[in-house]
Amino acid sequence: MEVMSKEDIIEKVNEFLVEEFEVEQEAILPDADLKETLDMDSLDYVDLVIEIESNFGFKVQPEDFVDIKTFQDFYDYITDRVETK
């Protein structure tokens, strides 16, 4: 798999967020609250985990989400995981 830049990762994440969570692209801001913006419930987390695993090829642990508050946290988490797998 080719190495993805941080920009590629952010673009890909935003793409599936807009598709899966029907959120407006304009609402996805780095310092916006992820859970609030996506109006997430526990089932949405499952969908999000599936999207991450299928798009980026790594396993997500539920505790990984404890520190993810904003979209920037989310991008950083995925970028770190992509770079270390």
PDB file of N, CA and C in Angstrom:
ATOM      1  N   MET A   1       0.842  -1.187   0.000  1.00  0.00           N
ATOM      2  CA  MET A   1       0.000   0.000   0.000  1.00  0.00           C
ATOM      3  C   MET A   1       0.887   1.249   0.000  1.00  0.00           C
ATOM      4  N   GLU A   2       0.520   2.216  -0.828  1.00  0.00           N
ATOM      5  CA  GLU A   2       1.355   3.417  -0.884  1.00  0.00           C
ATOM      6  C   GLU A   2       1.220   4.228   0.392  1.00  0.00           C
ATOM      7  N   VAL A   3       2.249   4.983   0.672  1.00  0.00           N
ATOM      8  CA  VAL A   3       2.248   5.825   1.865  1.00  0.00           C
ATOM      9  C   VAL A   3       1.302   7.000   1.611  1.00  0.00           C
ATOM     10  N   MET A   4       0.444   7.246   2.581  1.00  0.00           N
ATOM     11  CA  MET A   4      -0.508   8.347   2.441  1.00  0.00           C
ATOM     12  C   MET A   4       0.018   9.566   3.203  1.00  0.00           C
ATOM     13  N   SER A   5      -0.137  10.718   2.578  1.00  0.00           N
ATOM     14  CA  SER A   5       0.233  11.943   3.284  1.00  0.00           C
ATOM     15  C   SER A   5      -0.884  12.286   4.272  1.00  0.00           C
ATOM     16  N   LYS A   6      -0.566  13.161   5.187  1.00  0.00           N
ATOM     17  CA  LYS A   6      -1.577  13.609   6.159  1.00  0.00           C
ATOM     18  C   LYS A   6      -2.777  14.215   5.413  1.00  0.00           C
ATOM     19  N   GLU A   7      -2.512  14.937   4.337  1.00  0.00           N
ATOM     20  CA  GLU A   7      -3.590  15.548   3.549  1.00  0.00           C
ATOM     21  C   GLU A   7      -4.473  14.473   2.917  1.00  0.00           C
ATOM     22  N   ASP A   8      -3.841  13.406   2.395  1.00  0.00           N
ATOM     23  CA  ASP A   8      -4.605  12.296   1.808  1.00  0.00           C
ATOM     24  C   ASP A   8      -5.513  11.666   2.856  1.00  0.00           C
ATOM     25  N   ILE A   9      -4.960  11.480   4.038  1.00  0.00           N
ATOM     26  CA  ILE A   9      -5.713  10.851   5.126  1.00  0.00           C
ATOM     27  C   ILE A   9      -6.906  11.725   5.507  1.00  0.00           C
ATOM     28  N   ILE A  10      -6.668  13.014   5.684  1.00  0.00           N
ATOM     29  CA  ILE A  10      -7.747  13.937   6.058  1.00  0.00           C
ATOM     30  C   ILE A  10      -8.839  13.942   4.982  1.00  0.00           C
ATOM     31  N   GLU A  11      -8.419  13.969   3.726  1.00  0.00           N
ATOM     32  CA  GLU A  11      -9.370  13.978   2.616  1.00  0.00           C
ATOM     33  C   GLU A  11     -10.221  12.704   2.627  1.00  0.00           C
ATOM     34  N   LYS A  12      -9.569  11.572   2.814  1.00  0.00           N
ATOM     35  CA  LYS A  12     -10.266  10.289   2.827  1.00  0.00           C
ATOM     36  C   LYS A  12     -11.225  10.197   4.016  1.00  0.00           C
ATOM     37  N   VAL A  13     -10.768  10.639   5.176  1.00  0.00           N
ATOM     38  CA  VAL A  13     -11.615  10.641   6.382  1.00  0.00           C
ATOM     39  C   VAL A  13     -12.839  11.525   6.139  1.00  0.00           C
ATOM     40  N   ASN A  14     -12.628  12.740   5.657  1.00  0.00           N
ATOM     41  CA  ASN A  14     -13.741  13.660   5.434  1.00  0.00           C
ATOM     42  C   ASN A  14     -14.733  13.092   4.428  1.00  0.00           C
ATOM     43  N   GLU A  15     -14.211  12.405   3.403  1.00  0.00           N
ATOM     44  CA  GLU A  15     -15.065  11.785   2.395  1.00  0.00           C
ATOM     45  C   GLU A  15     -16.026  10.784   3.028  1.00  0.00           C
ATOM     46  N   PHE A  16     -15.490   9.846   3.835  1.00  0.00           N
ATOM     47  CA  PHE A  16     -16.402   8.856   4.400  1.00  0.00           C
ATOM     48  C   PHE A  16     -17.275   9.421   5.514  1.00  0.00           C
ATOM     49  N   LEU A  17     -16.819  10.492   6.173  1.00  0.00           N
ATOM     50  CA  LEU A  17     -17.675  11.126   7.183  1.00  0.00           C
ATOM     51  C   LEU A  17     -18.892  11.775   6.517  1.00  0.00           C
ATOM     52  N   VAL A  18     -18.653  12.463   5.413  1.00  0.00           N
ATOM     53  CA  VAL A  18     -19.741  13.118   4.684  1.00  0.00           C
ATOM     54  C   VAL A  18     -20.721  12.064   4.161  1.00  0.00           C
ATOM     55  N   GLU A  19     -20.181  10.967   3.602  1.00  0.00           N
ATOM     56  CA  GLU A  19     -21.034   9.908   3.060  1.00  0.00           C
ATOM     57  C   GLU A  19     -21.790   9.150   4.148  1.00  0.00           C
ATOM     58  N   GLU A  20     -21.053   8.639   5.122  1.00  0.00           N
ATOM     59  CA  GLU A  20     -21.642   7.761   6.135  1.00  0.00           C
ATOM     60  C   GLU A  20     -22.480   8.497   7.171  1.00  0.00           C
ATOM     61  N   PHE A  21     -22.052   9.681   7.543  1.00  0.00           N
ATOM     62  CA  PHE A  21     -22.724  10.383   8.636  1.00  0.00           C
ATOM     63  C   PHE A  21     -23.571  11.554   8.161  1.00  0.00           C
ATOM     64  N   GLU A  22     -23.612  11.739   6.831  1.00  0.00           N
ATOM     65  CA  GLU A  22     -24.435  12.782   6.224  1.00  0.00           C
ATOM     66  C   GLU A  22     -24.225  14.137   6.904  1.00  0.00           C
ATOM     67  N   VAL A  23     -22.948  14.431   7.145  1.00  0.00           N
ATOM     68  CA  VAL A  23     -22.591  15.713   7.736  1.00  0.00           C
ATOM     69  C   VAL A  23     -22.095  16.619   6.610  1.00  0.00           C
ATOM     70  N   GLU A  24     -22.353  17.904   6.741  1.00  0.00           N
ATOM     71  CA  GLU A  24     -21.890  18.862   5.733  1.00  0.00           C
ATOM     72  C   GLU A  24     -20.369  18.992   5.803  1.00  0.00           C
ATOM     73  N   GLN A  25     -19.727  18.998   4.657  1.00  0.00           N
ATOM     74  CA  GLN A  25     -18.271  19.165   4.576  1.00  0.00           C
ATOM     75  C   GLN A  25     -17.823  20.402   5.364  1.00  0.00           C
ATOM     76  N   GLU A  26     -18.617  21.481   5.300  1.00  0.00           N
ATOM     77  CA  GLU A  26     -18.268  22.736   5.970  1.00  0.00           C
ATOM     78  C   GLU A  26     -18.258  22.593   7.499  1.00  0.00           C
ATOM     79  N   ALA A  27     -18.987  21.602   8.016  1.00  0.00           N
ATOM     80  CA  ALA A  27     -19.068  21.409   9.468  1.00  0.00           C
ATOM     81  C   ALA A  27     -17.835  20.694  10.018  1.00  0.00           C
ATOM     82  N   ILE A  28     -17.071  20.093   9.121  1.00  0.00           N
ATOM     83  CA  ILE A  28     -15.897  19.331   9.546  1.00  0.00           C
ATOM     84  C   ILE A  28     -14.696  20.268   9.646  1.00  0.00           C
ATOM     85  N   LEU A  29     -14.482  20.764  10.855  1.00  0.00           N
ATOM     86  CA  LEU A  29     -13.375  21.684  11.118  1.00  0.00           C
ATOM     87  C   LEU A  29     -12.435  21.017  12.112  1.00  0.00           C
ATOM     88  N   PRO A  30     -11.123  21.257  11.978  1.00  0.00           N
ATOM     89  CA  PRO A  30     -10.158  20.572  12.847  1.00  0.00           C
ATOM     90  C   PRO A  30     -10.464  20.668  14.336  1.00  0.00           C
ATOM     91  N   ASP A  31     -10.943  21.832  14.797  1.00  0.00           N
ATOM     92  CA  ASP A  31     -11.176  21.954  16.244  1.00  0.00           C
ATOM     93  C   ASP A  31     -12.637  21.754  16.638  1.00  0.00           C
ATOM     94  N   ALA A  32     -13.469  21.312  15.687  1.00  0.00           N
ATOM     95  CA  ALA A  32     -14.875  21.019  16.007  1.00  0.00           C
ATOM     96  C   ALA A  32     -14.956  19.715  16.795  1.00  0.00           C
ATOM     97  N   ASP A  33     -15.963  19.611  17.635  1.00  0.00           N
ATOM     98  CA  ASP A  33     -16.182  18.408  18.439  1.00  0.00           C
ATOM     99  C   ASP A  33     -16.696  17.281  17.532  1.00  0.00           C
ATOM    100  N   LEU A  34     -15.945  16.201  17.489  1.00  0.00           N
ATOM    101  CA  LEU A  34     -16.260  15.077  16.594  1.00  0.00           C
ATOM    102  C   LEU A  34     -17.630  14.482  16.895  1.00  0.00           C
ATOM    103  N   LYS A  35     -17.848  14.126  18.149  1.00  0.00           N
ATOM    104  CA  LYS A  35     -19.087  13.452  18.531  1.00  0.00           C
ATOM    105  C   LYS A  35     -20.309  14.345  18.299  1.00  0.00           C
ATOM    106  N   GLU A  36     -20.193  15.611  18.685  1.00  0.00           N
ATOM    107  CA  GLU A  36     -21.313  16.550  18.505  1.00  0.00           C
ATOM    108  C   GLU A  36     -21.597  16.820  17.035  1.00  0.00           C
ATOM    109  N   THR A  37     -20.552  17.085  16.285  1.00  0.00           N
ATOM    110  CA  THR A  37     -20.722  17.430  14.873  1.00  0.00           C
ATOM    111  C   THR A  37     -21.356  16.275  14.106  1.00  0.00           C
ATOM    112  N   LEU A  38     -20.929  15.051  14.415  1.00  0.00           N
ATOM    113  CA  LEU A  38     -21.458  13.885  13.706  1.00  0.00           C
ATOM    114  C   LEU A  38     -22.735  13.351  14.359  1.00  0.00           C
ATOM    115  N   ASP A  39     -23.117  13.942  15.502  1.00  0.00           N
ATOM    116  CA  ASP A  39     -24.313  13.507  16.225  1.00  0.00           C
ATOM    117  C   ASP A  39     -24.267  11.984  16.434  1.00  0.00           C
ATOM    118  N   MET A  40     -23.165  11.531  17.048  1.00  0.00           N
ATOM    119  CA  MET A  40     -22.893  10.096  17.149  1.00  0.00           C
ATOM    120  C   MET A  40     -23.528   9.435  18.367  1.00  0.00           C
ATOM    121  N   ASP A  41     -24.055   8.228  18.126  1.00  0.00           N
ATOM    122  CA  ASP A  41     -24.468   7.362  19.223  1.00  0.00           C
ATOM    123  C   ASP A  41     -23.569   6.121  19.170  1.00  0.00           C
ATOM    124  N   SER A  42     -23.842   5.155  20.030  1.00  0.00           N
ATOM    125  CA  SER A  42     -22.940   3.996  20.099  1.00  0.00           C
ATOM    126  C   SER A  42     -22.907   3.200  18.790  1.00  0.00           C
ATOM    127  N   LEU A  43     -24.006   3.134  18.069  1.00  0.00           N
ATOM    128  CA  LEU A  43     -24.011   2.427  16.784  1.00  0.00           C
ATOM    129  C   LEU A  43     -23.153   3.149  15.754  1.00  0.00           C
ATOM    130  N   ASP A  44     -23.153   4.473  15.826  1.00  0.00           N
ATOM    131  CA  ASP A  44     -22.319   5.249  14.907  1.00  0.00           C
ATOM    132  C   ASP A  44     -20.837   4.967  15.132  1.00  0.00           C
ATOM    133  N   TYR A  45     -20.463   4.736  16.390  1.00  0.00           N
ATOM    134  CA  TYR A  45     -19.063   4.397  16.671  1.00  0.00           C
ATOM    135  C   TYR A  45     -18.674   3.109  15.963  1.00  0.00           C
ATOM    136  N   VAL A  46     -19.587   2.142  15.976  1.00  0.00           N
ATOM    137  CA  VAL A  46     -19.332   0.870  15.296  1.00  0.00           C
ATOM    138  C   VAL A  46     -19.113   1.128  13.807  1.00  0.00           C
ATOM    139  N   ASP A  47     -19.983   1.935  13.210  1.00  0.00           N
ATOM    140  CA  ASP A  47     -19.841   2.281  11.787  1.00  0.00           C
ATOM    141  C   ASP A  47     -18.517   2.985  11.527  1.00  0.00           C
ATOM    142  N   LEU A  48     -18.159   3.887  12.420  1.00  0.00           N
ATOM    143  CA  LEU A  48     -16.918   4.638  12.270  1.00  0.00           C
ATOM    144  C   LEU A  48     -15.707   3.703  12.322  1.00  0.00           C
ATOM    145  N   VAL A  49     -15.730   2.781  13.271  1.00  0.00           N
ATOM    146  CA  VAL A  49     -14.639   1.799  13.399  1.00  0.00           C
ATOM    147  C   VAL A  49     -14.527   0.964  12.121  1.00  0.00           C
ATOM    148  N   ILE A  50     -15.654   0.517  11.600  1.00  0.00           N
ATOM    149  CA  ILE A  50     -15.655  -0.282  10.366  1.00  0.00           C
ATOM    150  C   ILE A  50     -15.074   0.528   9.211  1.00  0.00           C
ATOM    151  N   GLU A  51     -15.476   1.792   9.111  1.00  0.00           N
ATOM    152  CA  GLU A  51     -14.945   2.665   8.050  1.00  0.00           C
ATOM    153  C   GLU A  51     -13.432   2.828   8.169  1.00  0.00           C
ATOM    154  N   ILE A  52     -12.954   3.063   9.380  1.00  0.00           N
ATOM    155  CA  ILE A  52     -11.509   3.241   9.591  1.00  0.00           C
ATOM    156  C   ILE A  52     -10.770   1.964   9.204  1.00  0.00           C
ATOM    157  N   GLU A  53     -11.266   0.829   9.699  1.00  0.00           N
ATOM    158  CA  GLU A  53     -10.589  -0.441   9.440  1.00  0.00           C
ATOM    159  C   GLU A  53     -10.583  -0.784   7.952  1.00  0.00           C
ATOM    160  N   SER A  54     -11.702  -0.526   7.256  1.00  0.00           N
ATOM    161  CA  SER A  54     -11.734  -0.872   5.835  1.00  0.00           C
ATOM    162  C   SER A  54     -10.960   0.125   4.972  1.00  0.00           C
ATOM    163  N   ASN A  55     -10.922   1.393   5.376  1.00  0.00           N
ATOM    164  CA  ASN A  55     -10.204   2.403   4.596  1.00  0.00           C
ATOM    165  C   ASN A  55      -8.709   2.439   4.871  1.00  0.00           C
ATOM    166  N   PHE A  56      -8.312   2.117   6.111  1.00  0.00           N
ATOM    167  CA  PHE A  56      -6.908   2.290   6.489  1.00  0.00           C
ATOM    168  C   PHE A  56      -6.211   1.005   6.907  1.00  0.00           C
ATOM    169  N   GLY A  57      -6.959  -0.083   7.043  1.00  0.00           N
ATOM    170  CA  GLY A  57      -6.349  -1.386   7.268  1.00  0.00           C
ATOM    171  C   GLY A  57      -5.699  -1.614   8.620  1.00  0.00           C
ATOM    172  N   PHE A  58      -6.221  -1.016   9.675  1.00  0.00           N
ATOM    173  CA  PHE A  58      -5.717  -1.353  11.006  1.00  0.00           C
ATOM    174  C   PHE A  58      -6.899  -1.527  11.956  1.00  0.00           C
ATOM    175  N   LYS A  59      -6.677  -2.294  13.001  1.00  0.00           N
ATOM    176  CA  LYS A  59      -7.719  -2.574  13.997  1.00  0.00           C
ATOM    177  C   LYS A  59      -7.839  -1.405  14.971  1.00  0.00           C
ATOM    178  N   VAL A  60      -9.060  -1.052  15.285  1.00  0.00           N
ATOM    179  CA  VAL A  60      -9.335   0.025  16.225  1.00  0.00           C
ATOM    180  C   VAL A  60      -9.785  -0.576  17.548  1.00  0.00           C
ATOM    181  N   GLN A  61      -9.214  -0.100  18.628  1.00  0.00           N
ATOM    182  CA  GLN A  61      -9.625  -0.528  19.969  1.00  0.00           C
ATOM    183  C   GLN A  61     -10.581   0.526  20.532  1.00  0.00           C
ATOM    184  N   PRO A  62     -11.628   0.089  21.245  1.00  0.00           N
ATOM    185  CA  PRO A  62     -12.575   1.077  21.795  1.00  0.00           C
ATOM    186  C   PRO A  62     -11.894   2.148  22.653  1.00  0.00           C
ATOM    187  N   GLU A  63     -10.874   1.745  23.407  1.00  0.00           N
ATOM    188  CA  GLU A  63     -10.201   2.725  24.273  1.00  0.00           C
ATOM    189  C   GLU A  63      -9.437   3.783  23.469  1.00  0.00           C
ATOM    190  N   ASP A  64      -9.185   3.511  22.191  1.00  0.00           N
ATOM    191  CA  ASP A  64      -8.516   4.496  21.338  1.00  0.00           C
ATOM    192  C   ASP A  64      -9.324   5.791  21.248  1.00  0.00           C
ATOM    193  N   PHE A  65     -10.629   5.689  21.408  1.00  0.00           N
ATOM    194  CA  PHE A  65     -11.492   6.859  21.245  1.00  0.00           C
ATOM    195  C   PHE A  65     -11.571   7.733  22.486  1.00  0.00           C
ATOM    196  N   VAL A  66     -11.042   7.262  23.588  1.00  0.00           N
ATOM    197  CA  VAL A  66     -11.131   8.015  24.847  1.00  0.00           C
ATOM    198  C   VAL A  66     -10.549   9.422  24.699  1.00  0.00           C
ATOM    199  N   ASP A  67      -9.411   9.535  24.036  1.00  0.00           N
ATOM    200  CA  ASP A  67      -8.736  10.833  23.918  1.00  0.00           C
ATOM    201  C   ASP A  67      -9.114  11.616  22.672  1.00  0.00           C
ATOM    202  N   ILE A  68      -9.983  11.076  21.845  1.00  0.00           N
ATOM    203  CA  ILE A  68     -10.359  11.757  20.601  1.00  0.00           C
ATOM    204  C   ILE A  68     -11.573  12.640  20.864  1.00  0.00           C
ATOM    205  N   LYS A  69     -11.326  13.940  20.838  1.00  0.00           N
ATOM    206  CA  LYS A  69     -12.423  14.892  21.079  1.00  0.00           C
ATOM    207  C   LYS A  69     -12.764  15.675  19.801  1.00  0.00           C
ATOM    208  N   THR A  70     -11.738  16.089  19.077  1.00  0.00           N
ATOM    209  CA  THR A  70     -11.952  16.937  17.897  1.00  0.00           C
ATOM    210  C   THR A  70     -11.590  16.180  16.625  1.00  0.00           C
ATOM    211  N   PHE A  71     -11.927  16.769  15.501  1.00  0.00           N
ATOM    212  CA  PHE A  71     -11.539  16.162  14.226  1.00  0.00           C
ATOM    213  C   PHE A  71     -10.024  16.084  14.111  1.00  0.00           C
ATOM    214  N   GLN A  72      -9.316  17.099  14.640  1.00  0.00           N
ATOM    215  CA  GLN A  72      -7.848  17.078  14.592  1.00  0.00           C
ATOM    216  C   GLN A  72      -7.307  15.887  15.367  1.00  0.00           C
ATOM    217  N   ASP A  73      -7.871  15.616  16.548  1.00  0.00           N
ATOM    218  CA  ASP A  73      -7.460  14.436  17.325  1.00  0.00           C
ATOM    219  C   ASP A  73      -7.665  13.173  16.493  1.00  0.00           C
ATOM    220  N   PHE A  74      -8.791  13.129  15.813  1.00  0.00           N
ATOM    221  CA  PHE A  74      -9.159  11.970  15.003  1.00  0.00           C
ATOM    222  C   PHE A  74      -8.173  11.791  13.842  1.00  0.00           C
ATOM    223  N   TYR A  75      -7.867  12.892  13.139  1.00  0.00           N
ATOM    224  CA  TYR A  75      -6.888  12.831  12.038  1.00  0.00           C
ATOM    225  C   TYR A  75      -5.527  12.371  12.560  1.00  0.00           C
ATOM    226  N   ASP A  76      -5.109  12.947  13.696  1.00  0.00           N
ATOM    227  CA  ASP A  76      -3.799  12.600  14.266  1.00  0.00           C
ATOM    228  C   ASP A  76      -3.740  11.122  14.631  1.00  0.00           C
ATOM    229  N   TYR A  77      -4.820  10.634  15.221  1.00  0.00           N
ATOM    230  CA  TYR A  77      -4.899   9.221  15.602  1.00  0.00           C
ATOM    231  C   TYR A  77      -4.720   8.325  14.371  1.00  0.00           C
ATOM    232  N   ILE A  78      -5.475   8.598  13.316  1.00  0.00           N
ATOM    233  CA  ILE A  78      -5.395   7.775  12.111  1.00  0.00           C
ATOM    234  C   ILE A  78      -4.011   7.895  11.468  1.00  0.00           C
ATOM    235  N   THR A  79      -3.499   9.114  11.380  1.00  0.00           N
ATOM    236  CA  THR A  79      -2.175   9.322  10.791  1.00  0.00           C
ATOM    237  C   THR A  79      -1.114   8.535  11.544  1.00  0.00           C
ATOM    238  N   ASP A  80      -1.144   8.625  12.887  1.00  0.00           N
ATOM    239  CA  ASP A  80      -0.176   7.880  13.704  1.00  0.00           C
ATOM    240  C   ASP A  80      -0.278   6.391  13.448  1.00  0.00           C
ATOM    241  N   ARG A  81      -1.499   5.885  13.405  1.00  0.00           N
ATOM    242  CA  ARG A  81      -1.705   4.452  13.229  1.00  0.00           C
ATOM    243  C   ARG A  81      -1.279   3.998  11.830  1.00  0.00           C
ATOM    244  N   VAL A  82      -1.580   4.795  10.819  1.00  0.00           N
ATOM    245  CA  VAL A  82      -1.193   4.467   9.440  1.00  0.00           C
ATOM    246  C   VAL A  82       0.340   4.436   9.322  1.00  0.00           C
ATOM    247  N   GLU A  83       0.982   5.410   9.969  1.00  0.00           N
ATOM    248  CA  GLU A  83       2.443   5.501   9.866  1.00  0.00           C
ATOM    249  C   GLU A  83       3.159   4.391  10.628  1.00  0.00           C
ATOM    250  N   THR A  84       2.524   3.828  11.665  1.00  0.00           N
ATOM    251  CA  THR A  84       3.219   2.820  12.486  1.00  0.00           C
ATOM    252  C   THR A  84       2.837   1.386  12.157  1.00  0.00           C
ATOM    253  N   LYS A  85       1.865   1.210  11.233  1.00  0.00           N
ATOM    254  CA  LYS A  85       1.466  -0.185  10.986  1.00  0.00           C
ATOM    255  C   LYS A  85       2.394  -0.915  10.039  1.00  0.00           C
TER     256      LYS A  85
END
